């Protein structure tokens, strides 16, 4: 066991130990908690009509419960990183699971929309701590040579949850009631809490670590305003309020960057962006996740509104993406080890763009086995890309910068998912308006599928921006992880400062 030490040779205060081997059971536990958090972000969509009927409110009003949850998760992530350093990751992770589970019970017991919304805020606070702190626990205990295998466990929740959410939510709501969307979390949360007490290594926190209050305020306000703006842009009330909220969010985040660049003890160590492989998560990786996140939003709508299918029929076809995700998963690590990160990122983005173009050619008369095969391929390509980005971003990050890298990455993932839905909705409105006005761009006439065709072509074009960014990566980017022991000297990660 190797322990990071301070200048005097003593163990550094508040740091966790770095193990020589990683724990698959711990990684699987963290992945399971991620799945609960990601699933609850979108699963409520199918239950909105039932909740609205029970509470005697308009269905549109129930959307606040989803916005409150997503906003709390995104705004809470920056603080959770500091809490893990101050109190110890094990304590914070266990408290996060307990908070999420308790909040799920309160959601199920809610008697009105106000109580449900407040319970969702508490649930989001628990989710905000589970996401980055769980990752940090796994990453700190994983040597570089095992990073690919460890991140393979952590990637699957983000791939599967958006695809399975409509099926899970629809089945529970149809055959039981909407309350079971939350009640199912209780036995899962209890099991995860007991497993965390057993599997997560104890590590003392740094009781002297101070919180960067200005940096936290600017970051949380910026992230919160961006989430609200993206939610507004993705809904029917898009317009000036959405634009103002997004602009305010960007200004707050710009202020946070300026502040943390000068602060003595910043909330995040922004020097991590000097590492090209990590910076890829904020450039090509953000674009990749944004476009990929728009697909589970566009496909069900196209199948239902364009093809005239019922929700269950559409959900079953969209589940083909899940089949592709799972089917290719055993091969993602060998593929990255064989070809390297750069070729696989370029391939994943180009192949994904090609599937979007093919989706634009579908219509109600397309044979369903052909649609199923296309979506299986799309799921496989997104799995490769997600796995590659999730691993390469940490390939050259030194241990001292890992907490900052982890929290920044988790925040960007949340924002990319929200941006994907917002961009998908915005494209649909643009092309629907163009069709109504008799405009160009293949949106024509009375064809209900035309706006979806144009939207898929547009996101295919956006995906190519990710391809261009991946092409600028060094040839042996992340080779210390993809090819341990065989990485060229130039590709070795930089040594931390003495």
Protein backbone atom coordinates (compact mmCIF):
# COMPACT_ATOMS: atom_id res chain seq x y z
CA UNK A 1 0.00 0.00 0.00
CA UNK A 2 1.41 3.37 -1.03
CA UNK A 3 0.45 6.49 0.95
CA UNK A 4 0.88 9.99 -0.45
CA UNK A 5 3.24 11.88 1.87
CA UNK A 6 3.89 15.47 2.66
CA UNK A 7 7.23 17.30 2.39
CA UNK A 8 8.39 15.94 5.73
CA UNK A 9 7.77 12.37 4.72
CA UNK A 10 4.73 11.99 6.95
CA UNK A 11 1.43 11.06 5.44
CA UNK A 12 -0.32 14.09 3.98
CA UNK A 13 -3.19 15.28 6.14
CA UNK A 14 -6.65 14.47 4.92
CA UNK A 15 -5.58 12.32 1.98
CA UNK A 16 -6.72 8.84 1.20
CA UNK A 17 -4.42 5.96 0.60
CA UNK A 18 -3.68 4.78 -2.90
CA UNK A 19 -3.88 1.02 -3.22
CA UNK A 20 -1.82 -1.26 -5.42
CA UNK A 21 -4.96 -3.10 -6.50
CA UNK A 22 -8.49 -1.92 -7.13
CA UNK A 23 -11.73 -3.38 -5.84
CA UNK A 24 -14.28 -4.45 -8.47
CA UNK A 25 -16.90 -4.84 -5.73
CA UNK A 26 -16.38 -1.25 -4.60
CA UNK A 27 -16.58 0.01 -8.20
CA UNK A 28 -19.79 -1.98 -8.73
CA UNK A 29 -21.28 -0.51 -5.52
CA UNK A 30 -20.50 3.04 -6.65
CA UNK A 31 -21.89 2.30 -10.11
CA UNK A 32 -25.13 1.02 -8.57
CA UNK A 33 -25.58 4.25 -6.58
CA UNK A 34 -24.89 6.25 -9.74
CA UNK A 35 -27.57 4.27 -11.53
CA UNK A 36 -30.14 5.21 -8.87
CA UNK A 37 -29.18 8.88 -9.12
CA UNK A 38 -29.14 9.02 -12.94
CA UNK A 39 -32.38 7.03 -13.26
CA UNK A 40 -34.27 9.29 -10.87
CA UNK A 41 -33.25 12.29 -12.95
CA UNK A 42 -35.49 11.24 -15.86
CA UNK A 43 -37.70 8.33 -14.75
CA UNK A 44 -40.41 10.67 -13.47
CA UNK A 45 -41.28 11.84 -17.00
CA UNK A 46 -43.64 8.95 -17.71
CA UNK A 47 -45.38 9.36 -14.35
CA UNK A 48 -46.18 13.07 -14.70
CA UNK A 49 -49.82 12.57 -15.82
CA UNK A 50 -50.51 10.22 -12.88
CA UNK A 51 -48.92 12.56 -10.35
CA UNK A 52 -50.82 15.52 -11.77
CA UNK A 53 -54.11 13.61 -11.46
CA UNK A 54 -53.40 12.59 -7.85
CA UNK A 55 -52.43 16.12 -6.80
CA UNK A 56 -55.15 17.82 -8.92
CA UNK A 57 -52.63 20.06 -10.68
CA UNK A 58 -51.71 20.68 -14.30
CA UNK A 59 -49.24 18.20 -15.79
CA UNK A 60 -46.91 21.07 -16.75
CA UNK A 61 -46.67 22.09 -13.09
CA UNK A 62 -45.19 18.71 -12.15
CA UNK A 63 -42.11 19.50 -14.24
CA UNK A 64 -40.83 21.57 -11.33
CA UNK A 65 -40.04 18.35 -9.47
CA UNK A 66 -37.64 17.28 -12.22
CA UNK A 67 -36.05 20.71 -12.55
CA UNK A 68 -35.59 20.99 -8.77
CA UNK A 69 -33.89 17.59 -8.66
CA UNK A 70 -31.53 18.20 -11.59
CA UNK A 71 -30.65 21.70 -10.37
CA UNK A 72 -29.86 20.48 -6.84
CA UNK A 73 -27.64 17.69 -8.15
CA UNK A 74 -25.69 20.05 -10.41
CA UNK A 75 -25.34 22.80 -7.80
CA UNK A 76 -24.36 20.38 -5.04
CA UNK A 77 -21.49 18.69 -6.85
CA UNK A 78 -18.90 21.49 -6.28
CA UNK A 79 -19.53 21.47 -2.52
CA UNK A 80 -19.42 17.68 -2.27
CA UNK A 81 -15.80 17.59 -3.38
CA UNK A 82 -14.79 19.90 -0.53
CA UNK A 83 -16.89 17.91 1.97
CA UNK A 84 -15.09 14.71 0.97
CA UNK A 85 -11.72 16.37 1.58
CA UNK A 86 -12.82 17.96 4.87
CA UNK A 87 -14.81 15.10 6.46
CA UNK A 88 -13.50 12.03 4.66
CA UNK A 89 -14.95 10.38 1.56
CA UNK A 90 -16.34 7.33 3.39
CA UNK A 91 -18.46 9.39 5.77
CA UNK A 92 -19.78 11.69 3.04
CA UNK A 93 -20.57 8.79 0.69
CA UNK A 94 -22.52 6.91 3.38
CA UNK A 95 -24.42 10.06 4.40
CA UNK A 96 -25.22 10.65 0.72
CA UNK A 97 -26.76 7.19 0.33
CA UNK A 98 -28.77 7.62 3.55
CA UNK A 99 -30.01 11.05 2.43
CA UNK A 100 -31.00 9.82 -1.01
CA UNK A 101 -32.85 6.80 0.42
CA UNK A 102 -34.69 8.80 3.09
CA UNK A 103 -35.68 11.43 0.51
CA UNK A 104 -37.01 8.68 -1.78
CA UNK A 105 -39.34 7.53 1.02
CA UNK A 106 -40.50 11.11 1.58
CA UNK A 107 -41.20 11.45 -2.16
CA UNK A 108 -43.39 8.35 -2.07
CA UNK A 109 -45.27 9.67 0.99
CA UNK A 110 -45.84 13.13 -0.49
CA UNK A 111 -49.44 14.35 -0.31
CA UNK A 112 -49.07 17.41 -2.54
CA UNK A 113 -46.77 18.94 -5.13
CA UNK A 114 -44.97 21.16 -2.62
CA UNK A 115 -43.93 18.23 -0.44
CA UNK A 116 -42.86 16.22 -3.48
CA UNK A 117 -40.75 19.10 -4.78
CA UNK A 118 -39.04 19.66 -1.41
CA UNK A 119 -38.40 15.92 -1.11
CA UNK A 120 -36.89 15.93 -4.60
CA UNK A 121 -34.54 18.74 -3.54
CA UNK A 122 -33.36 16.61 -0.61
CA UNK A 123 -33.02 13.63 -2.93
CA UNK A 124 -30.93 15.76 -5.30
CA UNK A 125 -28.66 16.79 -2.43
CA UNK A 126 -27.97 13.13 -1.70
CA UNK A 127 -27.39 12.43 -5.39
CA UNK A 128 -24.98 15.36 -5.67
CA UNK A 129 -22.78 13.80 -2.98
CA UNK A 130 -23.00 10.25 -4.34
CA UNK A 131 -21.81 11.11 -7.86
CA UNK A 132 -18.37 12.75 -7.38
CA UNK A 133 -17.54 11.30 -3.96
CA UNK A 134 -18.20 7.75 -5.11
CA UNK A 135 -16.01 8.30 -8.15
CA UNK A 136 -13.26 9.77 -6.01
CA UNK A 137 -13.29 6.73 -3.72
CA UNK A 138 -12.81 4.39 -6.69
CA UNK A 139 -10.28 6.51 -8.58
CA UNK A 140 -8.06 7.08 -5.55
CA UNK A 141 -7.80 3.34 -5.01
CA UNK A 142 -7.06 2.48 -8.64
CA UNK A 143 -3.56 2.43 -10.12
CA UNK A 144 -3.17 3.74 -13.68
CA UNK A 145 -2.83 0.27 -15.15
CA UNK A 146 -6.33 -0.67 -13.91
CA UNK A 147 -8.03 2.65 -14.68
CA UNK A 148 -9.68 1.35 -17.87
CA UNK A 149 -11.27 -1.57 -16.04
CA UNK A 150 -12.43 0.57 -13.13
CA UNK A 151 -14.04 3.25 -15.28
CA UNK A 152 -15.81 0.55 -17.31
CA UNK A 153 -17.86 -0.10 -14.16
CA UNK A 154 -18.55 3.60 -13.59
CA UNK A 155 -19.69 4.37 -17.14
CA UNK A 156 -22.62 2.00 -17.53
CA UNK A 157 -25.12 3.90 -15.32
CA UNK A 158 -24.87 7.00 -17.49
CA UNK A 159 -25.37 4.87 -20.60
CA UNK A 160 -28.28 2.78 -19.40
CA UNK A 161 -30.32 5.06 -17.14
CA UNK A 162 -31.60 7.47 -19.85
CA UNK A 163 -32.58 4.53 -22.06
CA UNK A 164 -34.24 2.42 -19.35
CA UNK A 165 -36.00 5.31 -17.59
CA UNK A 166 -39.05 5.37 -19.92
CA UNK A 167 -39.49 1.60 -19.63
CA UNK A 168 -39.01 1.48 -15.84
CA UNK A 169 -41.19 4.51 -15.20
CA UNK A 170 -43.89 3.34 -17.59
CA UNK A 171 -44.01 -0.19 -16.17
CA UNK A 172 -44.12 0.88 -12.51
CA UNK A 173 -46.71 3.56 -13.16
CA UNK A 174 -48.92 1.33 -15.33
CA UNK A 175 -48.87 -1.84 -13.22
CA UNK A 176 -48.38 -0.42 -9.70
CA UNK A 177 -48.40 3.35 -9.11
CA UNK A 178 -46.04 6.31 -9.45
CA UNK A 179 -45.09 5.92 -5.76
CA UNK A 180 -43.12 2.80 -6.65
CA UNK A 181 -40.69 4.86 -8.70
CA UNK A 182 -39.40 6.05 -5.33
CA UNK A 183 -40.22 3.08 -3.13
CA UNK A 184 -37.95 0.82 -5.21
CA UNK A 185 -34.99 2.94 -4.06
CA UNK A 186 -35.49 2.03 -0.40
CA UNK A 187 -34.29 -1.61 -0.41
CA UNK A 188 -31.61 -0.69 -2.94
CA UNK A 189 -30.45 2.22 -0.78
CA UNK A 190 -30.36 0.13 2.40
CA UNK A 191 -28.29 -2.55 0.67
CA UNK A 192 -25.93 0.08 -0.75
CA UNK A 193 -25.51 1.73 2.66
CA UNK A 194 -24.58 -1.56 4.36
CA UNK A 195 -22.22 -2.43 1.51
CA UNK A 196 -20.58 1.01 1.71
CA UNK A 197 -19.87 0.56 5.42
CA UNK A 198 -18.10 -2.68 4.54
CA UNK A 199 -16.33 -1.82 1.29
CA UNK A 200 -15.39 1.88 1.36
CA UNK A 201 -11.99 2.38 3.02
CA UNK A 202 -11.90 4.79 5.97
CA UNK A 203 -9.71 7.86 5.57
CA UNK A 204 -9.35 10.84 7.87
CA UNK A 205 -10.46 14.18 6.51
CA UNK A 206 -8.49 17.41 6.62
CA UNK A 207 -10.17 19.34 9.44
CA UNK A 208 -8.16 22.46 8.59
CA UNK A 209 -9.21 22.62 4.95
CA UNK A 210 -11.01 25.91 4.37
CA UNK A 211 -13.93 26.42 2.04
CA UNK A 212 -13.57 28.91 -0.80
CA UNK A 213 -16.88 30.70 -0.19
CA UNK A 214 -16.67 33.18 -3.11
CA UNK A 215 -15.66 30.37 -5.49
CA UNK A 216 -18.49 28.15 -4.22
CA UNK A 217 -21.08 30.93 -4.53
CA UNK A 218 -20.06 31.87 -8.07
CA UNK A 219 -19.87 28.23 -9.18
CA UNK A 220 -23.20 27.12 -7.72
CA UNK A 221 -25.01 30.22 -8.99
CA UNK A 222 -23.50 29.70 -12.43
CA UNK A 223 -24.35 26.01 -12.60
CA UNK A 224 -27.84 26.60 -11.20
CA UNK A 225 -28.61 29.37 -13.70
CA UNK A 226 -27.34 27.21 -16.56
CA UNK A 227 -29.50 24.24 -15.52
CA UNK A 228 -32.59 26.44 -15.22
CA UNK A 229 -31.86 28.05 -18.58
CA UNK A 230 -31.39 24.68 -20.26
CA UNK A 231 -34.60 23.36 -18.69
CA UNK A 232 -36.47 26.41 -19.97
CA UNK A 233 -34.91 26.03 -23.41
CA UNK A 234 -35.97 22.39 -23.51
CA UNK A 235 -39.57 23.21 -22.57
CA UNK A 236 -42.31 25.15 -24.26
CA UNK A 237 -41.46 28.39 -22.47
CA UNK A 238 -38.16 28.93 -24.28
CA UNK A 239 -37.31 32.49 -25.22
CA UNK A 240 -35.94 35.49 -23.37
CA UNK A 241 -36.06 33.88 -19.88
CA UNK A 242 -34.01 30.90 -21.08
CA UNK A 243 -31.47 33.12 -22.84
CA UNK A 244 -31.10 35.41 -19.82
CA UNK A 245 -30.66 32.47 -17.45
CA UNK A 246 -28.01 30.82 -19.65
CA UNK A 247 -26.17 34.13 -20.10
CA UNK A 248 -26.22 34.76 -16.34
CA UNK A 249 -24.90 31.25 -15.71
CA UNK A 250 -22.01 31.77 -18.10
CA UNK A 251 -21.15 35.10 -16.49
CA UNK A 252 -21.15 33.60 -13.00
CA UNK A 253 -18.92 30.73 -14.15
CA UNK A 254 -16.55 33.16 -15.86
CA UNK A 255 -16.34 35.06 -12.58
CA UNK A 256 -15.64 31.78 -10.75
CA UNK A 257 -12.77 31.01 -13.12
CA UNK A 258 -11.25 34.47 -12.63
CA UNK A 259 -11.59 34.21 -8.85
CA UNK A 260 -10.18 30.69 -8.53
CA UNK A 261 -7.27 31.60 -10.78
CA UNK A 262 -6.14 34.10 -8.15
CA UNK A 263 -7.42 32.62 -4.87
CA UNK A 264 -4.93 31.12 -2.39
CA UNK A 265 -7.14 28.11 -1.59
CA UNK A 266 -9.52 27.83 -4.56
CA UNK A 267 -12.53 25.53 -4.62
CA UNK A 268 -11.05 23.83 -7.72
CA UNK A 269 -7.47 23.62 -8.89
CA UNK A 270 -7.95 24.91 -12.43
CA UNK A 271 -4.36 23.94 -13.30
CA UNK A 272 -5.87 20.54 -14.15
CA UNK A 273 -7.02 22.06 -17.46
CA UNK A 274 -3.37 22.33 -18.49
CA UNK A 275 -3.50 18.55 -18.97
CA UNK A 276 -4.64 18.00 -22.57
CA UNK A 277 -6.27 14.64 -21.95
CA UNK A 278 -8.39 16.11 -19.14
CA UNK A 279 -9.19 19.23 -21.14
CA UNK A 280 -10.74 16.93 -23.75
CA UNK A 281 -13.66 16.31 -21.37
CA UNK A 282 -14.59 20.01 -21.54
CA UNK A 283 -14.17 20.29 -25.32
CA UNK A 284 -14.83 17.26 -27.52
CA UNK A 285 -16.13 15.23 -24.58
CA UNK A 286 -18.77 17.83 -23.75
CA UNK A 287 -19.95 17.95 -27.37
CA UNK A 288 -20.00 14.15 -27.54
CA UNK A 289 -22.11 13.80 -24.39
CA UNK A 290 -24.42 16.61 -25.48
CA UNK A 291 -25.25 15.02 -28.83
CA UNK A 292 -25.52 11.51 -27.38
CA UNK A 293 -27.87 12.78 -24.65
CA UNK A 294 -30.24 14.24 -27.24
CA UNK A 295 -30.91 10.83 -28.83
CA UNK A 296 -33.00 9.25 -26.01
CA UNK A 297 -35.05 12.45 -26.11
CA UNK A 298 -35.59 12.57 -29.89
CA UNK A 299 -36.16 8.87 -30.62
CA UNK A 300 -39.27 8.23 -28.47
CA UNK A 301 -40.84 11.45 -29.72
CA UNK A 302 -40.18 10.54 -33.36
CA UNK A 303 -41.62 7.05 -32.88
CA UNK A 304 -44.75 8.36 -31.12
CA UNK A 305 -45.45 11.72 -32.80
CA UNK A 306 -43.95 10.90 -36.18
CA UNK A 307 -44.68 7.20 -36.64
CA UNK A 308 -47.87 7.09 -34.54
CA UNK A 309 -46.64 4.34 -32.21
CA UNK A 310 -47.84 3.93 -28.64
CA UNK A 311 -45.38 4.64 -25.75
CA UNK A 312 -44.72 0.96 -25.00
CA UNK A 313 -43.97 0.18 -28.65
CA UNK A 314 -41.58 3.14 -28.82
CA UNK A 315 -39.94 2.22 -25.50
CA UNK A 316 -39.23 -1.33 -26.65
CA UNK A 317 -37.48 -0.11 -29.81
CA UNK A 318 -35.46 2.51 -27.91
CA UNK A 319 -34.31 -0.29 -25.57
CA UNK A 320 -32.25 -1.54 -28.53
CA UNK A 321 -29.74 1.15 -27.58
CA UNK A 322 -29.45 -0.59 -24.20
CA UNK A 323 -28.71 -3.90 -25.98
CA UNK A 324 -25.87 -2.24 -27.90
CA UNK A 325 -24.48 -0.65 -24.74
CA UNK A 326 -24.31 -3.97 -22.93
CA UNK A 327 -23.29 -6.07 -25.91
CA UNK A 328 -20.15 -4.07 -26.69
CA UNK A 329 -19.13 -3.45 -23.07
CA UNK A 330 -16.82 -6.54 -22.73
CA UNK A 331 -14.97 -5.38 -25.86
CA UNK A 332 -14.48 -1.68 -25.02
CA UNK A 333 -11.39 -2.15 -22.85
CA UNK A 334 -9.64 -4.55 -25.31
CA UNK A 335 -10.42 -2.18 -28.20
CA UNK A 336 -8.94 0.83 -26.39
CA UNK A 337 -5.87 -1.19 -25.37
CA UNK A 338 -5.41 -2.40 -28.95
CA UNK A 339 -5.88 0.88 -30.83
CA UNK A 340 -5.43 3.62 -28.21
CA UNK A 341 -7.68 6.44 -27.07
CA UNK A 342 -7.33 8.82 -30.01
CA UNK A 343 -8.35 6.35 -32.78
CA UNK A 344 -11.27 5.03 -30.72
CA UNK A 345 -12.57 8.52 -29.91
CA UNK A 346 -12.41 9.50 -33.58
CA UNK A 347 -14.12 6.24 -34.58
CA UNK A 348 -16.86 6.52 -31.93
CA UNK A 349 -17.79 10.07 -32.90
CA UNK A 350 -17.78 9.37 -36.66
CA UNK A 351 -19.75 6.16 -36.26
CA UNK A 352 -22.27 7.87 -33.96
CA UNK A 353 -22.71 10.69 -36.47
CA UNK A 354 -23.34 8.09 -39.17
CA UNK A 355 -26.09 6.45 -37.08
CA UNK A 356 -27.74 9.86 -36.61
CA UNK A 357 -27.79 10.34 -40.37
CA UNK A 358 -29.34 6.89 -40.79
CA UNK A 359 -31.95 7.73 -38.13
CA UNK A 360 -32.95 10.70 -40.27
CA UNK A 361 -33.83 8.28 -43.08
CA UNK A 362 -36.28 6.20 -41.01
CA UNK A 363 -40.02 6.32 -41.49
CA UNK A 364 -43.07 4.37 -40.32
CA UNK A 365 -42.58 1.87 -43.15
CA UNK A 366 -38.99 0.97 -42.23
CA UNK A 367 -38.79 -2.71 -41.14
CA UNK A 368 -38.54 -2.85 -37.37
CA UNK A 369 -35.65 -5.37 -37.34
CA UNK A 370 -33.67 -2.85 -39.38
CA UNK A 371 -34.49 -0.06 -36.88
CA UNK A 372 -33.55 -2.37 -34.01
CA UNK A 373 -30.19 -3.22 -35.63
CA UNK A 374 -29.43 0.48 -36.25
CA UNK A 375 -30.13 1.39 -32.62
CA UNK A 376 -28.06 -1.55 -31.36
CA UNK A 377 -25.14 -0.17 -33.38
CA UNK A 378 -25.77 3.32 -32.05
CA UNK A 379 -25.71 1.99 -28.49
CA UNK A 380 -22.43 0.16 -29.12
CA UNK A 381 -20.72 3.26 -30.51
CA UNK A 382 -21.90 5.48 -27.64
CA UNK A 383 -20.61 2.89 -25.17
CA UNK A 384 -17.15 3.00 -26.74
CA UNK A 385 -17.06 6.80 -26.72
CA UNK A 386 -18.32 7.17 -23.15
CA UNK A 387 -15.81 4.62 -21.87
CA UNK A 388 -12.92 6.28 -23.69
CA UNK A 389 -13.74 9.79 -22.49
CA UNK A 390 -14.42 8.64 -18.92
CA UNK A 391 -10.96 7.08 -18.73
CA UNK A 392 -8.70 9.35 -20.80
CA UNK A 393 -9.71 12.40 -18.76
CA UNK A 394 -7.91 10.96 -15.71
CA UNK A 395 -5.03 9.30 -17.54
CA UNK A 396 -2.50 12.09 -16.92
CA UNK A 397 -4.03 13.79 -13.85
CA UNK A 398 -1.68 13.77 -10.86
CA UNK A 399 -3.09 12.63 -7.47
CA UNK A 400 -3.12 16.13 -5.96
CA UNK A 401 -5.44 17.35 -8.75
CA UNK A 402 -7.77 14.34 -8.71
CA UNK A 403 -10.49 15.84 -6.43
CA UNK A 404 -10.74 18.95 -8.61
CA UNK A 405 -10.71 16.94 -11.84
CA UNK A 406 -13.39 14.61 -10.52
CA UNK A 407 -15.76 17.39 -9.38
CA UNK A 408 -15.32 19.41 -12.58
CA UNK A 409 -15.95 16.32 -14.70
CA UNK A 410 -19.11 15.39 -12.77
CA UNK A 411 -20.45 18.94 -13.20
CA UNK A 412 -19.75 18.92 -16.94
CA UNK A 413 -21.51 15.56 -17.34
CA UNK A 414 -24.65 16.96 -15.68
CA UNK A 415 -24.57 20.09 -17.83
CA UNK A 416 -23.99 18.11 -21.04
CA UNK A 417 -27.00 15.89 -20.32
CA UNK A 418 -29.23 18.92 -19.75
CA UNK A 419 -27.82 20.69 -22.80
CA UNK A 420 -28.49 17.63 -24.97
CA UNK A 421 -32.20 17.63 -24.17
CA UNK A 422 -32.40 21.40 -24.57
CA UNK A 423 -30.63 21.34 -27.94
CA UNK A 424 -32.84 18.49 -29.15
CA UNK A 425 -36.01 20.37 -28.15
CA UNK A 426 -34.73 23.61 -29.65
CA UNK A 427 -33.92 21.95 -32.98
CA UNK A 428 -37.40 20.41 -33.12
CA UNK A 429 -39.03 23.79 -32.54
CA UNK A 430 -36.87 25.44 -35.19
CA UNK A 431 -37.64 22.85 -37.85
CA UNK A 432 -41.31 22.60 -36.91
CA UNK A 433 -41.60 26.39 -37.28
CA UNK A 434 -39.78 26.27 -40.60
CA UNK A 435 -42.26 23.64 -41.81
CA UNK A 436 -45.24 25.66 -40.60
CA UNK A 437 -43.98 28.74 -42.38
CA UNK A 438 -43.22 26.82 -45.53
CA UNK A 439 -39.50 27.32 -44.99
CA UNK A 440 -36.58 25.29 -46.32
CA UNK A 441 -34.34 22.74 -44.66
CA UNK A 442 -36.28 19.63 -45.44
CA UNK A 443 -38.85 20.40 -42.82
CA UNK A 444 -41.53 20.48 -45.44
CA UNK A 445 -45.19 20.41 -45.49
CA UNK A 446 -47.32 18.13 -43.42
CA UNK A 447 -44.83 15.31 -42.90
CA UNK A 448 -44.76 14.79 -39.10
CA UNK A 449 -41.39 13.02 -39.30
CA UNK A 450 -39.62 15.83 -41.20
CA UNK A 451 -38.63 17.94 -38.15
CA UNK A 452 -37.06 14.86 -36.54
CA UNK A 453 -35.13 14.06 -39.71
CA UNK A 454 -33.72 17.57 -39.78
CA UNK A 455 -32.91 17.43 -36.05
CA UNK A 456 -30.95 14.18 -36.44
CA UNK A 457 -28.98 15.64 -39.34
CA UNK A 458 -28.20 18.71 -37.24
CA UNK A 459 -26.89 16.73 -34.26
CA UNK A 460 -24.83 14.60 -36.67
CA UNK A 461 -23.15 17.82 -37.82
CA UNK A 462 -22.59 18.91 -34.19
CA UNK A 463 -21.03 15.53 -33.41
CA UNK A 464 -18.34 16.20 -36.03
CA UNK A 465 -17.02 18.99 -33.77
CA UNK A 466 -16.12 16.24 -31.31
CA UNK A 467 -14.32 14.38 -34.09
CA UNK A 468 -12.25 17.48 -34.93
CA UNK A 469 -11.26 17.91 -31.29
CA UNK A 470 -10.21 14.25 -30.99
CA UNK A 471 -8.05 14.60 -34.09
CA UNK A 472 -5.99 17.27 -32.29
CA UNK A 473 -5.12 14.93 -29.40
CA UNK A 474 -1.52 13.70 -29.25
CA UNK A 475 -0.96 10.41 -31.02
CA UNK A 476 -0.24 8.53 -27.79
CA UNK A 477 -2.77 10.37 -25.60
CA UNK A 478 -3.42 8.43 -22.40
CA UNK A 479 -1.00 5.66 -23.37
CA UNK A 480 0.10 5.26 -19.74
CA UNK A 481 -3.41 3.90 -19.10
CA UNK A 482 -4.33 2.22 -22.38
CA UNK A 483 -0.96 0.51 -22.75
CA UNK A 484 0.60 0.30 -19.25
CA UNK A 485 4.26 -0.57 -19.31
CA UNK A 486 4.48 0.12 -23.06
CA UNK A 487 3.71 3.85 -23.17
CA UNK A 488 6.27 5.97 -25.08
CA UNK A 489 8.31 8.26 -22.87
CA UNK A 490 6.63 11.35 -24.34
CA UNK A 491 3.25 9.98 -23.38
CA UNK A 492 4.01 9.40 -19.71
CA UNK A 493 1.96 11.63 -17.36
CA UNK A 494 3.77 14.63 -15.87
CA UNK A 495 5.29 14.22 -12.46
CA UNK A 496 3.67 16.22 -9.63
CA UNK A 497 5.75 19.17 -8.43
CA UNK A 498 8.22 18.43 -5.68
